Amino acid sequence: MMGQGRLAAWGVGLAALVALPFVYRDPYHLHILVLILIWSFAYTSWSMMGRFGLVSLGHGGFMGIGAYVTALLWNHAGLSPWIGIPISMAAAGALAMIVGYPCFRFRITGHYFVLVTLALSGIVLQVITATRDYTGGSLGYTPNRASGNRLLALQFDDKTTWYLIALAVWLFGIVVWHWVDRSMARYALEAISEDEDAAAAAGVDVTAEKLKITLLSALMTALAGAIYCQYQMFITPDTVSGIAVSLQMVFAAIVGGLFVSLGPTVGAIITILLAESLRIGFGTKAVGWDNLVYGVLLVLFIIFLPKGILGSLLDRLKLQRKVPRAHEQKAVQVARPGA
């Protein structure tokens, strides 16, 4: 019954989300929803690794590769994003393997692994900035507008179309999250996060399992960057790459709930609404304030709500359900003392 109720709730929720842009057409609010869905997918991609103790600060690099490679192939080679996006994902995946294999093979873990991924994110940012003749550097980069088939160029002016695309991508991320959560890989990765030596002794291929989840996370993050680029039609190194983007992913996933599929989505709602509120309320005076607020909130959440907003809420609901059951069992034992 619980499973059927949960499926029914998901069905009703998805139906409402699909119907939303046909009922409510305000362009600005649809724009905010599209951003929330795209960034939710990016945060979910990071949480694929983060939930198993693989804390990466290099995902800003993967997202930047997804965005810039797709745009560069379109502008300079005339390759449609339908071809460019898989190529950009392959590039991000190859970089993840190049960095990940030696780290996992030689047991570079904990804060050393964090530092390696931090360097990766910084390197990608510097490469994008240094190759300004091709990428526009810190001034940003704009994909060429399509003069013909907009579907081939993956360019749409209609917010409703982009909302449905972003919704499909977000749902894909949730499905992948649940697929990993219900697979044997989850138990292997949990064992690795607890004790690598014990997991290896039990027959788990530690390097292979870490590489698999790293590759999956990198591919999904690159896809998020490519979709963001096609939607915004303008990217800069600071918005899709670098350390700040990686830290934003960490903040959103932890604050929303790292071990819950919808946790990163809650985190995306907080980050996007916070950034928009600061932009509207303070304009250019609030540039960079969102990162300051992220840092303060991250420390507070780690101390007081380590399972995030959604994770803590679900734990409280489970506790409330257990208390009445315990009282019922106690009442039965009192009524039937011989039982």
C-alpha atoms as a PDB file:
ATOM      1  CA  MET A   1       0.000   0.000   0.000  1.00  0.00           C
ATOM      2  CA  MET A   2       2.829   2.397   0.836  1.00  0.00           C
ATOM      3  CA  GLY A   3       4.470   1.705  -2.536  1.00  0.00           C
ATOM      4  CA  GLN A   4       1.222   2.257  -4.435  1.00  0.00           C
ATOM      5  CA  GLY A   5       0.562   5.496  -2.550  1.00  0.00           C
ATOM      6  CA  ARG A   6       4.041   6.752  -3.336  1.00  0.00           C
ATOM      7  CA  LEU A   7       3.661   5.919  -7.037  1.00  0.00           C
ATOM      8  CA  ALA A   8       0.278   7.655  -7.099  1.00  0.00           C
ATOM      9  CA  ALA A   9       1.794  10.763  -5.486  1.00  0.00           C
ATOM     10  CA  TRP A  10       4.600  10.809  -8.054  1.00  0.00           C
ATOM     11  CA  GLY A  11       2.079  10.395 -10.869  1.00  0.00           C
ATOM     12  CA  VAL A  12      -0.105  13.260  -9.656  1.00  0.00           C
ATOM     13  CA  GLY A  13       2.931  15.465  -9.077  1.00  0.00           C
ATOM     14  CA  LEU A  14       4.368  14.826 -12.554  1.00  0.00           C
ATOM     15  CA  ALA A  15       0.990  15.411 -14.195  1.00  0.00           C
ATOM     16  CA  ALA A  16       0.740  18.755 -12.400  1.00  0.00           C
ATOM     17  CA  LEU A  17       4.278  19.721 -13.461  1.00  0.00           C
ATOM     18  CA  VAL A  18       3.586  18.848 -17.105  1.00  0.00           C
ATOM     19  CA  ALA A  19       0.326  20.800 -17.106  1.00  0.00           C
ATOM     20  CA  LEU A  20       1.805  23.841 -15.335  1.00  0.00           C
ATOM     21  CA  PRO A  21       3.178  25.783 -18.368  1.00  0.00           C
ATOM     22  CA  PHE A  22      -0.126  25.382 -20.226  1.00  0.00           C
ATOM     23  CA  VAL A  23      -2.079  26.830 -17.308  1.00  0.00           C
ATOM     24  CA  TYR A  24       0.353  29.458 -16.012  1.00  0.00           C
ATOM     25  CA  ARG A  25       2.310  31.236 -18.764  1.00  0.00           C
ATOM     26  CA  ASP A  26       4.161  34.041 -16.998  1.00  0.00           C
ATOM     27  CA  PRO A  27       7.555  34.164 -18.835  1.00  0.00           C
ATOM     28  CA  TYR A  28       9.627  35.253 -15.844  1.00  0.00           C
ATOM     29  CA  HIS A  29       8.294  32.587 -13.501  1.00  0.00           C
ATOM     30  CA  LEU A  30       8.704  29.918 -16.181  1.00  0.00           C
ATOM     31  CA  HIS A  31      12.279  31.114 -16.628  1.00  0.00           C
ATOM     32  CA  ILE A  32      12.940  30.646 -12.908  1.00  0.00           C
ATOM     33  CA  LEU A  33      11.399  27.167 -13.027  1.00  0.00           C
ATOM     34  CA  VAL A  34      13.582  26.195 -15.998  1.00  0.00           C
ATOM     35  CA  LEU A  35      16.689  27.314 -14.123  1.00  0.00           C
ATOM     36  CA  ILE A  36      15.605  25.391 -11.021  1.00  0.00           C
ATOM     37  CA  LEU A  37      15.075  22.205 -13.040  1.00  0.00           C
ATOM     38  CA  ILE A  38      18.401  22.465 -14.902  1.00  0.00           C
ATOM     39  CA  TRP A  39      20.386  23.187 -11.747  1.00  0.00           C
ATOM     40  CA  SER A  40      18.470  20.476  -9.876  1.00  0.00           C
ATOM     41  CA  PHE A  41      19.760  18.025 -12.471  1.00  0.00           C
ATOM     42  CA  ALA A  42      23.305  19.348 -12.033  1.00  0.00           C
ATOM     43  CA  TYR A  43      23.083  19.047  -8.234  1.00  0.00           C
ATOM     44  CA  THR A  44      21.615  15.546  -8.517  1.00  0.00           C
ATOM     45  CA  SER A  45      24.558  14.623 -10.750  1.00  0.00           C
ATOM     46  CA  TRP A  46      26.997  15.751  -8.053  1.00  0.00           C
ATOM     47  CA  SER A  47      25.087  13.892  -5.341  1.00  0.00           C
ATOM     48  CA  MET A  48      25.614  10.614  -7.240  1.00  0.00           C
ATOM     49  CA  MET A  49      29.195  10.745  -5.952  1.00  0.00           C
ATOM     50  CA  GLY A  50      28.784  12.867  -2.843  1.00  0.00           C
ATOM     51  CA  ARG A  51      26.355  10.520  -1.128  1.00  0.00           C
ATOM     52  CA  PHE A  52      29.020   7.806  -1.135  1.00  0.00           C
ATOM     53  CA  GLY A  53      31.709   9.950   0.420  1.00  0.00           C
ATOM     54  CA  LEU A  54      33.369  10.937  -2.860  1.00  0.00           C
ATOM     55  CA  VAL A  55      33.400  14.693  -2.299  1.00  0.00           C
ATOM     56  CA  SER A  56      34.360  16.326  -5.594  1.00  0.00           C
ATOM     57  CA  LEU A  57      35.071  19.995  -6.158  1.00  0.00           C
ATOM     58  CA  GLY A  58      35.784  19.396  -9.836  1.00  0.00           C
ATOM     59  CA  HIS A  59      32.238  19.204 -11.160  1.00  0.00           C
ATOM     60  CA  GLY A  60      32.333  22.838 -12.196  1.00  0.00           C
ATOM     61  CA  GLY A  61      34.959  21.679 -14.696  1.00  0.00           C
ATOM     62  CA  PHE A  62      32.697  18.959 -16.093  1.00  0.00           C
ATOM     63  CA  MET A  63      29.817  21.398 -16.428  1.00  0.00           C
ATOM     64  CA  GLY A  64      32.059  23.923 -18.172  1.00  0.00           C
ATOM     65  CA  ILE A  65      33.248  21.299 -20.645  1.00  0.00           C
ATOM     66  CA  GLY A  66      29.656  20.360 -21.439  1.00  0.00           C
ATOM     67  CA  ALA A  67      28.694  23.967 -22.079  1.00  0.00           C
ATOM     68  CA  TYR A  68      31.753  25.218 -23.976  1.00  0.00           C
ATOM     69  CA  VAL A  69      32.480  22.164 -26.124  1.00  0.00           C
ATOM     70  CA  THR A  70      28.877  22.088 -27.337  1.00  0.00           C
ATOM     71  CA  ALA A  71      28.893  25.805 -28.186  1.00  0.00           C
ATOM     72  CA  LEU A  72      32.346  25.733 -29.826  1.00  0.00           C
ATOM     73  CA  LEU A  73      31.450  22.765 -32.034  1.00  0.00           C
ATOM     74  CA  TRP A  74      28.301  24.576 -33.161  1.00  0.00           C
ATOM     75  CA  ASN A  75      30.019  27.901 -33.886  1.00  0.00           C
ATOM     76  CA  HIS A  76      33.275  26.663 -35.441  1.00  0.00           C
ATOM     77  CA  ALA A  77      32.437  23.252 -36.918  1.00  0.00           C
ATOM     78  CA  GLY A  78      28.732  23.638 -37.599  1.00  0.00           C
ATOM     79  CA  LEU A  79      27.946  20.512 -35.584  1.00  0.00           C
ATOM     80  CA  SER A  80      24.401  20.405 -34.235  1.00  0.00           C
ATOM     81  CA  PRO A  81      24.092  20.294 -30.434  1.00  0.00           C
ATOM     82  CA  TRP A  82      22.446  16.900 -30.916  1.00  0.00           C
ATOM     83  CA  ILE A  83      25.935  15.746 -31.949  1.00  0.00           C
ATOM     84  CA  GLY A  84      27.923  18.245 -29.907  1.00  0.00           C
ATOM     85  CA  ILE A  85      26.317  17.324 -26.587  1.00  0.00           C
ATOM     86  CA  PRO A  86      27.356  13.623 -26.754  1.00  0.00           C
ATOM     87  CA  ILE A  87      30.867  14.717 -27.778  1.00  0.00           C
ATOM     88  CA  SER A  88      31.078  17.148 -24.846  1.00  0.00           C
ATOM     89  CA  MET A  89      29.841  14.436 -22.484  1.00  0.00           C
ATOM     90  CA  ALA A  90      32.475  12.049 -23.849  1.00  0.00           C
ATOM     91  CA  ALA A  91      35.158  14.719 -23.286  1.00  0.00           C
ATOM     92  CA  ALA A  92      34.022  15.234 -19.692  1.00  0.00           C
ATOM     93  CA  GLY A  93      33.900  11.482 -19.138  1.00  0.00           C
ATOM     94  CA  ALA A  94      37.417  11.035 -20.527  1.00  0.00           C
ATOM     95  CA  LEU A  95      38.742  13.760 -18.222  1.00  0.00           C
ATOM     96  CA  ALA A  96      36.986  12.132 -15.261  1.00  0.00           C
ATOM     97  CA  MET A  97      38.691   8.808 -16.082  1.00  0.00           C
ATOM     98  CA  ILE A  98      42.105  10.446 -16.559  1.00  0.00           C
ATOM     99  CA  VAL A  99      41.879  12.130 -13.155  1.00  0.00           C
ATOM    100  CA  GLY A 100      39.886   9.456 -11.343  1.00  0.00           C
ATOM    101  CA  TYR A 101      41.829   6.319 -12.250  1.00  0.00           C
ATOM    102  CA  PRO A 102      45.162   7.258 -10.642  1.00  0.00           C
ATOM    103  CA  CYS A 103      43.344   8.675  -7.623  1.00  0.00           C
ATOM    104  CA  PHE A 104      41.365   5.489  -7.036  1.00  0.00           C
ATOM    105  CA  ARG A 105      44.160   3.129  -8.090  1.00  0.00           C
ATOM    106  CA  PHE A 106      46.623   4.627  -5.602  1.00  0.00           C
ATOM    107  CA  ARG A 107      44.047   5.177  -2.853  1.00  0.00           C
ATOM    108  CA  ILE A 108      44.013   8.981  -2.914  1.00  0.00           C
ATOM    109  CA  THR A 109      41.031   9.608  -0.656  1.00  0.00           C
ATOM    110  CA  GLY A 110      39.585  12.126   1.779  1.00  0.00           C
ATOM    111  CA  HIS A 111      40.902  15.680   1.682  1.00  0.00           C
ATOM    112  CA  TYR A 112      43.628  14.692  -0.810  1.00  0.00           C
ATOM    113  CA  PHE A 113      40.961  13.664  -3.339  1.00  0.00           C
ATOM    114  CA  VAL A 114      39.101  16.911  -2.668  1.00  0.00           C
ATOM    115  CA  LEU A 115      42.260  18.888  -3.427  1.00  0.00           C
ATOM    116  CA  VAL A 116      42.854  17.000  -6.682  1.00  0.00           C
ATOM    117  CA  THR A 117      39.317  17.714  -7.892  1.00  0.00           C
ATOM    118  CA  LEU A 118      39.645  21.328  -6.743  1.00  0.00           C
ATOM    119  CA  ALA A 119      42.721  21.656  -8.951  1.00  0.00           C
ATOM    120  CA  LEU A 120      40.809  20.093 -11.850  1.00  0.00           C
ATOM    121  CA  SER A 121      38.056  22.676 -11.590  1.00  0.00           C
ATOM    122  CA  GLY A 122      40.582  25.509 -11.450  1.00  0.00           C
ATOM    123  CA  ILE A 123      42.503  24.191 -14.463  1.00  0.00           C
ATOM    124  CA  VAL A 124      39.382  23.980 -16.630  1.00  0.00           C
ATOM    125  CA  LEU A 125      38.453  27.528 -15.619  1.00  0.00           C
ATOM    126  CA  GLN A 126      41.937  28.815 -16.476  1.00  0.00           C
ATOM    127  CA  VAL A 127      41.965  27.031 -19.852  1.00  0.00           C
ATOM    128  CA  ILE A 128      38.605  28.555 -20.799  1.00  0.00           C
ATOM    129  CA  THR A 129      39.768  32.003 -19.718  1.00  0.00           C
ATOM    130  CA  ALA A 130      43.200  31.741 -21.386  1.00  0.00           C
ATOM    131  CA  THR A 131      41.840  30.634 -24.776  1.00  0.00           C
ATOM    132  CA  ARG A 132      39.883  33.871 -25.112  1.00  0.00           C
ATOM    133  CA  ASP A 133      40.347  33.950 -28.892  1.00  0.00           C
ATOM    134  CA  TYR A 134      38.017  30.971 -29.122  1.00  0.00           C
ATOM    135  CA  THR A 135      35.965  31.021 -25.915  1.00  0.00           C
ATOM    136  CA  GLY A 136      35.648  34.765 -25.347  1.00  0.00           C
ATOM    137  CA  GLY A 137      37.504  34.415 -22.044  1.00  0.00           C
ATOM    138  CA  SER A 138      36.012  36.217 -19.083  1.00  0.00           C
ATOM    139  CA  LEU A 139      33.757  38.286 -21.395  1.00  0.00           C
ATOM    140  CA  GLY A 140      31.634  35.239 -22.106  1.00  0.00           C
ATOM    141  CA  TYR A 141      30.574  33.278 -25.174  1.00  0.00           C
ATOM    142  CA  THR A 142      27.403  33.224 -27.264  1.00  0.00           C
ATOM    143  CA  PRO A 143      26.348  30.354 -29.542  1.00  0.00           C
ATOM    144  CA  ASN A 144      25.374  31.506 -33.024  1.00  0.00           C
ATOM    145  CA  ARG A 145      21.671  31.961 -33.597  1.00  0.00           C
ATOM    146  CA  ALA A 146      20.171  29.429 -35.997  1.00  0.00           C
ATOM    147  CA  SER A 147      18.954  30.817 -39.296  1.00  0.00           C
ATOM    148  CA  GLY A 148      17.099  27.666 -40.282  1.00  0.00           C
ATOM    149  CA  ASN A 149      15.897  24.603 -38.396  1.00  0.00           C
ATOM    150  CA  ARG A 150      15.698  25.566 -34.719  1.00  0.00           C
ATOM    151  CA  LEU A 151      15.096  21.975 -33.658  1.00  0.00           C
ATOM    152  CA  LEU A 152      18.393  20.968 -35.279  1.00  0.00           C
ATOM    153  CA  ALA A 153      20.127  23.812 -33.427  1.00  0.00           C
ATOM    154  CA  LEU A 154      18.280  23.052 -30.173  1.00  0.00           C
ATOM    155  CA  GLN A 155      17.250  26.690 -29.917  1.00  0.00           C
ATOM    156  CA  PHE A 156      13.742  27.721 -28.885  1.00  0.00           C
ATOM    157  CA  ASP A 157      12.291  31.086 -27.943  1.00  0.00           C
ATOM    158  CA  ASP A 158       9.240  29.550 -26.273  1.00  0.00           C
ATOM    159  CA  LYS A 159       9.605  29.170 -22.495  1.00  0.00           C
ATOM    160  CA  THR A 160       7.065  26.345 -22.462  1.00  0.00           C
ATOM    161  CA  THR A 161       9.235  24.236 -24.773  1.00  0.00           C
ATOM    162  CA  TRP A 162      12.306  24.791 -22.625  1.00  0.00           C
ATOM    163  CA  TYR A 163      10.335  24.065 -19.468  1.00  0.00           C
ATOM    164  CA  LEU A 164       9.277  20.658 -20.845  1.00  0.00           C
ATOM    165  CA  ILE A 165      12.851  19.885 -21.950  1.00  0.00           C
ATOM    166  CA  ALA A 166      14.225  20.846 -18.531  1.00  0.00           C
ATOM    167  CA  LEU A 167      11.489  18.809 -16.829  1.00  0.00           C
ATOM    168  CA  ALA A 168      12.411  15.735 -18.896  1.00  0.00           C
ATOM    169  CA  VAL A 169      16.111  16.155 -18.047  1.00  0.00           C
ATOM    170  CA  TRP A 170      15.304  16.623 -14.345  1.00  0.00           C
ATOM    171  CA  LEU A 171      13.113  13.504 -14.342  1.00  0.00           C
ATOM    172  CA  PHE A 172      15.903  11.560 -16.059  1.00  0.00           C
ATOM    173  CA  GLY A 173      18.233  12.554 -13.214  1.00  0.00           C
ATOM    174  CA  ILE A 174      15.742  11.373 -10.584  1.00  0.00           C
ATOM    175  CA  VAL A 175      15.301   8.037 -12.392  1.00  0.00           C
ATOM    176  CA  VAL A 176      19.078   7.494 -12.564  1.00  0.00           C
ATOM    177  CA  TRP A 177      19.406   8.389  -8.866  1.00  0.00           C
ATOM    178  CA  HIS A 178      16.804   5.748  -7.931  1.00  0.00           C
ATOM    179  CA  TRP A 179      18.361   3.216 -10.307  1.00  0.00           C
ATOM    180  CA  VAL A 180      21.705   3.563  -8.531  1.00  0.00           C
ATOM    181  CA  ASP A 181      19.974   3.545  -5.136  1.00  0.00           C
ATOM    182  CA  ARG A 182      18.324   0.176  -5.879  1.00  0.00           C
ATOM    183  CA  SER A 183      21.283  -1.469  -7.590  1.00  0.00           C
ATOM    184  CA  MET A 184      24.001  -3.644  -6.131  1.00  0.00           C
ATOM    185  CA  ALA A 185      26.445  -0.815  -6.843  1.00  0.00           C
ATOM    186  CA  ARG A 186      24.912   1.111  -3.962  1.00  0.00           C
ATOM    187  CA  TYR A 187      25.884  -1.539  -1.420  1.00  0.00           C
ATOM    188  CA  ALA A 188      29.364  -1.836  -2.885  1.00  0.00           C
ATOM    189  CA  LEU A 189      29.891   1.940  -2.761  1.00  0.00           C
ATOM    190  CA  GLU A 190      28.510   2.168   0.775  1.00  0.00           C
ATOM    191  CA  ALA A 191      30.919  -0.566   1.843  1.00  0.00           C
ATOM    192  CA  ILE A 192      33.782   1.303   0.171  1.00  0.00           C
ATOM    193  CA  SER A 193      32.841   4.558   1.903  1.00  0.00           C
ATOM    194  CA  GLU A 194      32.885   2.785   5.274  1.00  0.00           C
ATOM    195  CA  ASP A 195      36.125   0.799   4.837  1.00  0.00           C
ATOM    196  CA  GLU A 196      37.909   0.296   1.516  1.00  0.00           C
ATOM    197  CA  ASP A 197      40.113  -2.533   2.773  1.00  0.00           C
ATOM    198  CA  ALA A 198      37.165  -4.474   4.171  1.00  0.00           C
ATOM    199  CA  ALA A 199      35.193  -3.946   0.955  1.00  0.00           C
ATOM    200  CA  ALA A 200      38.130  -5.183  -1.134  1.00  0.00           C
ATOM    201  CA  ALA A 201      38.502  -8.222   1.136  1.00  0.00           C
ATOM    202  CA  ALA A 202      34.815  -8.989   0.562  1.00  0.00           C
ATOM    203  CA  GLY A 203      35.384  -9.105  -3.196  1.00  0.00           C
ATOM    204  CA  VAL A 204      34.436  -5.556  -4.210  1.00  0.00           C
ATOM    205  CA  ASP A 205      36.494  -4.081  -7.052  1.00  0.00           C
ATOM    206  CA  VAL A 206      37.069  -0.738  -5.357  1.00  0.00           C
ATOM    207  CA  THR A 207      38.702   1.060  -8.292  1.00  0.00           C
ATOM    208  CA  ALA A 208      36.094  -0.108 -10.821  1.00  0.00           C
ATOM    209  CA  GLU A 209      33.113   0.839  -8.652  1.00  0.00           C
ATOM    210  CA  LYS A 210      34.497   4.306  -7.942  1.00  0.00           C
ATOM    211  CA  LEU A 211      35.263   4.862 -11.620  1.00  0.00           C
ATOM    212  CA  LYS A 212      31.746   3.834 -12.649  1.00  0.00           C
ATOM    213  CA  ILE A 213      29.975   6.284 -10.353  1.00  0.00           C
ATOM    214  CA  THR A 214      32.495   9.034 -11.185  1.00  0.00           C
ATOM    215  CA  LEU A 215      31.957   8.533 -14.923  1.00  0.00           C
ATOM    216  CA  LEU A 216      28.175   8.562 -14.528  1.00  0.00           C
ATOM    217  CA  SER A 217      28.296  11.731 -12.420  1.00  0.00           C
ATOM    218  CA  ALA A 218      30.638  13.508 -14.864  1.00  0.00           C
ATOM    219  CA  LEU A 219      28.500  12.616 -17.904  1.00  0.00           C
ATOM    220  CA  MET A 220      25.339  13.908 -16.266  1.00  0.00           C
ATOM    221  CA  THR A 221      27.033  17.122 -15.123  1.00  0.00           C
ATOM    222  CA  ALA A 222      28.333  17.789 -18.646  1.00  0.00           C
ATOM    223  CA  LEU A 223      24.792  17.284 -19.972  1.00  0.00           C
ATOM    224  CA  ALA A 224      23.545  19.855 -17.458  1.00  0.00           C
ATOM    225  CA  GLY A 225      26.140  22.352 -18.690  1.00  0.00           C
ATOM    226  CA  ALA A 226      25.190  21.799 -22.325  1.00  0.00           C
ATOM    227  CA  ILE A 227      21.467  22.216 -21.659  1.00  0.00           C
ATOM    228  CA  TYR A 228      22.125  25.360 -19.615  1.00  0.00           C
ATOM    229  CA  CYS A 229      24.191  26.816 -22.477  1.00  0.00           C
ATOM    230  CA  GLN A 230      21.493  26.092 -25.067  1.00  0.00           C
ATOM    231  CA  TYR A 231      18.832  27.654 -22.878  1.00  0.00           C
ATOM    232  CA  GLN A 232      20.671  30.804 -21.809  1.00  0.00           C
ATOM    233  CA  MET A 233      22.487  31.261 -25.155  1.00  0.00           C
ATOM    234  CA  PHE A 234      25.266  32.989 -23.243  1.00  0.00           C
ATOM    235  CA  ILE A 235      27.863  31.509 -20.908  1.00  0.00           C
ATOM    236  CA  THR A 236      30.841  32.769 -18.943  1.00  0.00           C
ATOM    237  CA  PRO A 237      33.552  30.816 -17.118  1.00  0.00           C
ATOM    238  CA  ASP A 238      32.176  31.955 -13.763  1.00  0.00           C
ATOM    239  CA  THR A 239      28.590  30.840 -14.418  1.00  0.00           C
ATOM    240  CA  VAL A 240      29.226  27.306 -15.704  1.00  0.00           C
ATOM    241  CA  SER A 241      32.733  26.430 -14.545  1.00  0.00           C
ATOM    242  CA  GLY A 242      35.265  26.882 -11.813  1.00  0.00           C
ATOM    243  CA  ILE A 243      35.413  26.460  -8.085  1.00  0.00           C
ATOM    244  CA  ALA A 244      32.404  28.666  -7.305  1.00  0.00           C
ATOM    245  CA  VAL A 245      30.093  26.447  -9.358  1.00  0.00           C
ATOM    246  CA  SER A 246      31.482  23.320  -7.674  1.00  0.00           C
ATOM    247  CA  LEU A 247      30.936  24.822  -4.224  1.00  0.00           C
ATOM    248  CA  GLN A 248      27.404  25.788  -5.213  1.00  0.00           C
ATOM    249  CA  MET A 249      26.712  22.131  -6.073  1.00  0.00           C
ATOM    250  CA  VAL A 250      28.055  20.963  -2.731  1.00  0.00           C
ATOM    251  CA  PHE A 251      25.993  23.550  -0.857  1.00  0.00           C
ATOM    252  CA  ALA A 252      22.726  22.781  -2.641  1.00  0.00           C
ATOM    253  CA  ALA A 253      23.005  18.998  -2.305  1.00  0.00           C
ATOM    254  CA  ILE A 254      23.908  19.114   1.401  1.00  0.00           C
ATOM    255  CA  VAL A 255      21.323  21.746   2.332  1.00  0.00           C
ATOM    256  CA  GLY A 256      18.516  20.041   0.425  1.00  0.00           C
ATOM    257  CA  GLY A 257      19.361  16.528   1.572  1.00  0.00           C
ATOM    258  CA  LEU A 258      22.234  14.506   0.166  1.00  0.00           C
ATOM    259  CA  PHE A 259      20.659  11.088   0.744  1.00  0.00           C
ATOM    260  CA  VAL A 260      17.191  11.870  -0.650  1.00  0.00           C
ATOM    261  CA  SER A 261      16.441  11.926  -4.389  1.00  0.00           C
ATOM    262  CA  LEU A 262      14.581  15.245  -4.189  1.00  0.00           C
ATOM    263  CA  GLY A 263      17.115  16.807  -1.811  1.00  0.00           C
ATOM    264  CA  PRO A 264      19.168  18.456  -4.609  1.00  0.00           C
ATOM    265  CA  THR A 265      15.922  19.843  -6.039  1.00  0.00           C
ATOM    266  CA  VAL A 266      15.134  21.517  -2.715  1.00  0.00           C
ATOM    267  CA  GLY A 267      18.682  22.867  -2.732  1.00  0.00           C
ATOM    268  CA  ALA A 268      18.189  24.246  -6.256  1.00  0.00           C
ATOM    269  CA  ILE A 269      15.018  26.047  -5.206  1.00  0.00           C
ATOM    270  CA  ILE A 270      16.927  27.700  -2.357  1.00  0.00           C
ATOM    271  CA  THR A 271      19.991  28.694  -4.434  1.00  0.00           C
ATOM    272  CA  ILE A 272      18.054  30.038  -7.437  1.00  0.00           C
ATOM    273  CA  LEU A 273      15.547  31.990  -5.344  1.00  0.00           C
ATOM    274  CA  LEU A 274      18.349  33.356  -3.152  1.00  0.00           C
ATOM    275  CA  ALA A 275      20.354  34.519  -6.176  1.00  0.00           C
ATOM    276  CA  GLU A 276      17.271  36.115  -7.775  1.00  0.00           C
ATOM    277  CA  SER A 277      16.269  37.831  -4.541  1.00  0.00           C
ATOM    278  CA  LEU A 278      19.729  39.343  -4.142  1.00  0.00           C
ATOM    279  CA  ARG A 279      19.807  40.405  -7.794  1.00  0.00           C
ATOM    280  CA  ILE A 280      16.399  42.082  -7.649  1.00  0.00           C
ATOM    281  CA  GLY A 281      16.868  43.580  -4.195  1.00  0.00           C
ATOM    282  CA  PHE A 282      20.430  44.863  -4.474  1.00  0.00           C
ATOM    283  CA  GLY A 283      21.402  44.673  -8.156  1.00  0.00           C
ATOM    284  CA  THR A 284      25.123  44.957  -8.867  1.00  0.00           C
ATOM    285  CA  LYS A 285      25.803  45.812  -5.214  1.00  0.00           C
ATOM    286  CA  ALA A 286      25.120  42.174  -4.267  1.00  0.00           C
ATOM    287  CA  VAL A 287      27.546  40.542  -6.726  1.00  0.00           C
ATOM    288  CA  GLY A 288      29.234  37.668  -4.899  1.00  0.00           C
ATOM    289  CA  TRP A 289      26.958  37.882  -1.877  1.00  0.00           C
ATOM    290  CA  ASP A 290      25.275  34.608  -2.775  1.00  0.00           C
ATOM    291  CA  ASN A 291      28.573  32.736  -2.311  1.00  0.00           C
ATOM    292  CA  LEU A 292      29.010  34.367   1.108  1.00  0.00           C
ATOM    293  CA  VAL A 293      25.484  33.352   2.125  1.00  0.00           C
ATOM    294  CA  TYR A 294      26.074  29.817   0.767  1.00  0.00           C
ATOM    295  CA  GLY A 295      29.162  29.472   2.942  1.00  0.00           C
ATOM    296  CA  VAL A 296      27.459  30.651   6.131  1.00  0.00           C
ATOM    297  CA  LEU A 297      24.378  28.492   5.549  1.00  0.00           C
ATOM    298  CA  LEU A 298      26.506  25.458   4.680  1.00  0.00           C
ATOM    299  CA  VAL A 299      28.321  25.654   8.018  1.00  0.00           C
ATOM    300  CA  LEU A 300      25.027  26.042   9.900  1.00  0.00           C
ATOM    301  CA  PHE A 301      23.393  23.125   8.103  1.00  0.00           C
ATOM    302  CA  ILE A 302      26.373  20.815   8.625  1.00  0.00           C
ATOM    303  CA  ILE A 303      26.228  21.571  12.368  1.00  0.00           C
ATOM    304  CA  PHE A 304      22.463  21.596  12.996  1.00  0.00           C
ATOM    305  CA  LEU A 305      20.896  19.721  10.034  1.00  0.00           C
ATOM    306  CA  PRO A 306      23.521  17.314   8.657  1.00  0.00           C
ATOM    307  CA  LYS A 307      20.876  15.411   6.679  1.00  0.00           C
ATOM    308  CA  GLY A 308      19.601  18.570   5.022  1.00  0.00           C
ATOM    309  CA  ILE A 309      16.116  20.045   4.972  1.00  0.00           C
ATOM    310  CA  LEU A 310      14.311  17.200   3.225  1.00  0.00           C
ATOM    311  CA  GLY A 311      16.304  14.436   4.911  1.00  0.00           C
ATOM    312  CA  SER A 312      15.641  15.853   8.386  1.00  0.00           C
ATOM    313  CA  LEU A 313      11.946  16.331   7.584  1.00  0.00           C
ATOM    314  CA  LEU A 314      11.579  12.716   6.429  1.00  0.00           C
ATOM    315  CA  ASP A 315      13.368  11.457   9.557  1.00  0.00           C
ATOM    316  CA  ARG A 316      10.973  13.451  11.732  1.00  0.00           C
ATOM    317  CA  LEU A 317       7.947  12.050   9.893  1.00  0.00           C
ATOM    318  CA  LYS A 318       9.252   8.486  10.298  1.00  0.00           C
ATOM    319  CA  LEU A 319       9.768   9.098  14.023  1.00  0.00           C
ATOM    320  CA  GLN A 320       6.214  10.411  14.382  1.00  0.00           C
ATOM    321  CA  ARG A 321       4.880   7.264  12.700  1.00  0.00           C
ATOM    322  CA  LYS A 322       6.878   4.976  14.992  1.00  0.00           C
ATOM    323  CA  VAL A 323       5.664   6.616  18.222  1.00  0.00           C
ATOM    324  CA  PRO A 324       1.934   5.797  17.743  1.00  0.00           C
ATOM    325  CA  ARG A 325       2.840   2.233  16.726  1.00  0.00           C
ATOM    326  CA  ALA A 326       4.895   1.810  19.896  1.00  0.00           C
ATOM    327  CA  HIS A 327       1.957   3.059  21.983  1.00  0.00           C
ATOM    328  CA  GLU A 328      -0.395   0.653  20.196  1.00  0.00           C
ATOM    329  CA  GLN A 329       1.894  -2.315  20.859  1.00  0.00           C
ATOM    330  CA  LYS A 330       2.197  -1.319  24.513  1.00  0.00           C
ATOM    331  CA  ALA A 331      -1.578  -1.040  24.817  1.00  0.00           C
ATOM    332  CA  VAL A 332      -2.011  -4.523  23.357  1.00  0.00           C
ATOM    333  CA  GLN A 333       0.506  -5.973  25.832  1.00  0.00           C
ATOM    334  CA  VAL A 334      -1.328  -4.315  28.739  1.00  0.00           C
ATOM    335  CA  ALA A 335      -4.683  -5.617  27.525  1.00  0.00           C
ATOM    336  CA  ARG A 336      -3.246  -9.119  27.120  1.00  0.00           C
ATOM    337  CA  PRO A 337      -0.624  -9.519  29.852  1.00  0.00           C
ATOM    338  CA  GLY A 338      -0.258 -13.214  29.176  1.00  0.00           C
ATOM    339  CA  ALA A 339       0.743 -12.626  25.582  1.00  0.00           C
END
